[in-house]
């Protein structure tokens, strides 16, 4: 079940990164330029979409990964 553990680690890292970025947006550690704030928002949106896609397709991915095949 190494693949399953790796996928869980990926999901955990994705969720952790999203949380950290949201906190940084709410309580910035420094002053960001308008361009940096726009970039950060786009980056967070992309990460959120990745997480949504991951959650939507995970069970199908695991099913295909562990389906026996002679080919």
N, C-alpha and C. Protein backbone atom coordinates (compact mmCIF):
# COMPACT_ATOMS: atom_id res chain seq x y z
N UNK A 1 0.81 -1.19 0.00
CA UNK A 1 0.00 0.00 0.00
C UNK A 1 0.86 1.27 0.00
N UNK A 2 2.03 1.18 -0.60
CA UNK A 2 2.93 2.33 -0.66
C UNK A 2 2.31 3.47 -1.45
N UNK A 3 1.65 3.14 -2.55
CA UNK A 3 1.03 4.19 -3.37
C UNK A 3 -0.05 4.92 -2.58
N UNK A 4 -0.82 4.16 -1.81
CA UNK A 4 -1.89 4.79 -1.02
C UNK A 4 -1.30 5.73 0.03
N UNK A 5 -0.20 5.33 0.66
CA UNK A 5 0.46 6.19 1.65
C UNK A 5 1.01 7.45 0.99
N UNK A 6 1.58 7.30 -0.19
CA UNK A 6 2.10 8.46 -0.92
C UNK A 6 0.98 9.42 -1.30
N UNK A 7 -0.13 8.87 -1.72
CA UNK A 7 -1.27 9.71 -2.09
C UNK A 7 -1.80 10.45 -0.86
N UNK A 8 -1.85 9.77 0.28
CA UNK A 8 -2.29 10.43 1.52
C UNK A 8 -1.31 11.52 1.90
N UNK A 9 -0.02 11.25 1.78
CA UNK A 9 1.00 12.27 2.08
C UNK A 9 0.84 13.48 1.16
N UNK A 10 0.57 13.23 -0.11
CA UNK A 10 0.36 14.33 -1.06
C UNK A 10 -0.85 15.16 -0.65
N UNK A 11 -1.95 14.49 -0.32
CA UNK A 11 -3.16 15.20 0.08
C UNK A 11 -2.91 16.01 1.35
N UNK A 12 -2.22 15.41 2.32
CA UNK A 12 -1.91 16.12 3.57
C UNK A 12 -1.06 17.34 3.31
N UNK A 13 -0.07 17.21 2.45
CA UNK A 13 0.80 18.34 2.11
C UNK A 13 0.01 19.44 1.41
N UNK A 14 -0.86 19.06 0.51
CA UNK A 14 -1.69 20.02 -0.20
C UNK A 14 -2.59 20.78 0.77
N UNK A 15 -3.22 20.06 1.68
CA UNK A 15 -4.10 20.69 2.67
C UNK A 15 -3.31 21.60 3.61
N UNK A 16 -2.15 21.14 4.04
CA UNK A 16 -1.30 21.94 4.93
C UNK A 16 -0.83 23.23 4.25
N UNK A 17 -0.44 23.12 3.00
CA UNK A 17 0.01 24.29 2.25
C UNK A 17 -1.12 25.29 2.08
N UNK A 18 -2.31 24.80 1.75
CA UNK A 18 -3.47 25.68 1.62
C UNK A 18 -3.76 26.41 2.93
N UNK A 19 -3.73 25.69 4.03
CA UNK A 19 -3.98 26.29 5.33
C UNK A 19 -2.95 27.37 5.65
N UNK A 20 -1.68 27.05 5.45
CA UNK A 20 -0.61 28.01 5.72
C UNK A 20 -0.75 29.26 4.84
N UNK A 21 -1.10 29.06 3.59
CA UNK A 21 -1.25 30.20 2.68
C UNK A 21 -2.45 31.06 3.05
N UNK A 22 -3.53 30.43 3.50
CA UNK A 22 -4.71 31.20 3.93
C UNK A 22 -4.39 32.02 5.17
N UNK A 23 -3.65 31.44 6.10
CA UNK A 23 -3.25 32.18 7.30
C UNK A 23 -2.34 33.35 6.91
N UNK A 24 -1.42 33.10 6.00
CA UNK A 24 -0.51 34.16 5.54
C UNK A 24 -1.29 35.30 4.89
N UNK A 25 -2.34 34.97 4.17
CA UNK A 25 -3.15 36.01 3.53
C UNK A 25 -3.92 36.83 4.57
N UNK A 26 -4.37 36.17 5.64
CA UNK A 26 -5.12 36.87 6.68
C UNK A 26 -4.22 37.66 7.63
N UNK A 27 -3.07 37.06 7.97
CA UNK A 27 -2.12 37.70 8.89
C UNK A 27 -0.74 37.64 8.23
N UNK A 28 -0.46 38.57 7.32
CA UNK A 28 0.79 38.52 6.55
C UNK A 28 2.02 38.68 7.44
N UNK A 29 3.06 37.94 7.11
CA UNK A 29 4.32 38.03 7.85
C UNK A 29 5.15 39.23 7.39
N UNK A 30 4.74 39.81 6.26
CA UNK A 30 5.38 41.01 5.73
C UNK A 30 4.39 41.73 4.84
N UNK A 31 4.75 42.89 4.37
CA UNK A 31 3.88 43.63 3.46
C UNK A 31 4.09 43.12 2.04
N UNK A 32 2.99 42.79 1.38
CA UNK A 32 3.06 42.29 0.01
C UNK A 32 2.59 43.36 -0.97
N UNK A 33 3.19 43.34 -2.15
CA UNK A 33 2.73 44.25 -3.20
C UNK A 33 1.40 43.74 -3.75
N UNK A 34 0.71 44.57 -4.49
CA UNK A 34 -0.55 44.16 -5.09
C UNK A 34 -0.34 42.97 -6.04
N UNK A 35 0.74 43.00 -6.82
CA UNK A 35 1.04 41.89 -7.73
C UNK A 35 1.28 40.59 -6.95
N UNK A 36 1.97 40.68 -5.83
CA UNK A 36 2.22 39.48 -5.01
C UNK A 36 0.92 38.94 -4.43
N UNK A 37 0.04 39.81 -3.98
CA UNK A 37 -1.24 39.37 -3.43
C UNK A 37 -2.09 38.69 -4.50
N UNK A 38 -2.08 39.25 -5.70
CA UNK A 38 -2.82 38.65 -6.82
C UNK A 38 -2.25 37.28 -7.15
N UNK A 39 -0.91 37.18 -7.20
CA UNK A 39 -0.25 35.90 -7.48
C UNK A 39 -0.62 34.88 -6.40
N UNK A 40 -0.54 35.29 -5.14
CA UNK A 40 -0.84 34.38 -4.03
C UNK A 40 -2.28 33.87 -4.11
N UNK A 41 -3.21 34.76 -4.46
CA UNK A 41 -4.61 34.35 -4.57
C UNK A 41 -4.78 33.34 -5.71
N UNK A 42 -4.14 33.60 -6.84
CA UNK A 42 -4.20 32.66 -7.96
C UNK A 42 -3.58 31.32 -7.62
N UNK A 43 -2.47 31.36 -6.90
CA UNK A 43 -1.79 30.13 -6.47
C UNK A 43 -2.69 29.33 -5.53
N UNK A 44 -3.30 30.02 -4.57
CA UNK A 44 -4.21 29.35 -3.64
C UNK A 44 -5.42 28.77 -4.36
N UNK A 45 -5.95 29.50 -5.32
CA UNK A 45 -7.08 28.99 -6.10
C UNK A 45 -6.68 27.71 -6.85
N UNK A 46 -5.48 27.71 -7.43
CA UNK A 46 -5.00 26.53 -8.16
C UNK A 46 -4.84 25.35 -7.21
N UNK A 47 -4.28 25.59 -6.03
CA UNK A 47 -4.13 24.51 -5.05
C UNK A 47 -5.49 23.98 -4.60
N UNK A 48 -6.44 24.87 -4.41
CA UNK A 48 -7.79 24.46 -4.01
C UNK A 48 -8.43 23.59 -5.09
N UNK A 49 -8.25 23.96 -6.35
CA UNK A 49 -8.79 23.17 -7.46
C UNK A 49 -8.11 21.80 -7.52
N UNK A 50 -6.80 21.78 -7.28
CA UNK A 50 -6.09 20.49 -7.25
C UNK A 50 -6.65 19.59 -6.16
N UNK A 51 -6.91 20.15 -4.99
CA UNK A 51 -7.46 19.36 -3.89
C UNK A 51 -8.86 18.86 -4.23
N UNK A 52 -9.68 19.70 -4.82
CA UNK A 52 -11.03 19.29 -5.21
C UNK A 52 -10.97 18.16 -6.24
N UNK A 53 -10.10 18.30 -7.24
CA UNK A 53 -9.94 17.24 -8.25
C UNK A 53 -9.43 15.96 -7.61
N UNK A 54 -8.45 16.10 -6.72
CA UNK A 54 -7.89 14.94 -6.03
C UNK A 54 -8.99 14.19 -5.30
N UNK A 55 -9.79 14.93 -4.51
CA UNK A 55 -10.86 14.30 -3.74
C UNK A 55 -11.90 13.66 -4.64
N UNK A 56 -12.22 14.29 -5.75
CA UNK A 56 -13.24 13.78 -6.66
C UNK A 56 -12.78 12.52 -7.39
N UNK A 57 -11.49 12.41 -7.67
CA UNK A 57 -11.00 11.32 -8.51
C UNK A 57 -10.21 10.26 -7.74
N UNK A 58 -10.02 10.45 -6.46
CA UNK A 58 -9.16 9.55 -5.68
C UNK A 58 -9.65 8.10 -5.70
N UNK A 59 -10.92 7.88 -5.41
CA UNK A 59 -11.41 6.50 -5.34
C UNK A 59 -11.29 5.79 -6.69
N UNK A 60 -11.57 6.50 -7.77
CA UNK A 60 -11.43 5.91 -9.11
C UNK A 60 -9.96 5.59 -9.41
N UNK A 61 -9.07 6.50 -9.02
CA UNK A 61 -7.64 6.27 -9.22
C UNK A 61 -7.19 5.02 -8.46
N UNK A 62 -7.59 4.91 -7.19
CA UNK A 62 -7.19 3.75 -6.40
C UNK A 62 -7.78 2.47 -6.96
N UNK A 63 -9.01 2.53 -7.45
CA UNK A 63 -9.65 1.35 -8.04
C UNK A 63 -8.84 0.89 -9.26
N UNK A 64 -8.46 1.81 -10.12
CA UNK A 64 -7.69 1.46 -11.31
C UNK A 64 -6.27 1.03 -10.98
N UNK A 65 -5.72 1.57 -9.92
CA UNK A 65 -4.35 1.23 -9.51
C UNK A 65 -4.27 -0.21 -9.03
N UNK A 66 -5.30 -0.65 -8.33
CA UNK A 66 -5.25 -1.98 -7.70
C UNK A 66 -6.12 -3.02 -8.41
N UNK A 67 -6.57 -2.74 -9.62
CA UNK A 67 -7.35 -3.70 -10.38
C UNK A 67 -6.39 -4.68 -11.06
N UNK A 68 -6.66 -5.95 -10.84
CA UNK A 68 -5.81 -6.98 -11.45
C UNK A 68 -5.99 -7.00 -12.97
N UNK A 69 -4.89 -7.20 -13.67
CA UNK A 69 -4.95 -7.27 -15.12
C UNK A 69 -3.83 -8.17 -15.62
N UNK A 70 -4.13 -8.92 -16.65
CA UNK A 70 -3.11 -9.79 -17.24
C UNK A 70 -2.38 -9.12 -18.38
N UNK A 71 -2.78 -7.91 -18.74
CA UNK A 71 -2.15 -7.20 -19.86
C UNK A 71 -1.02 -6.34 -19.40
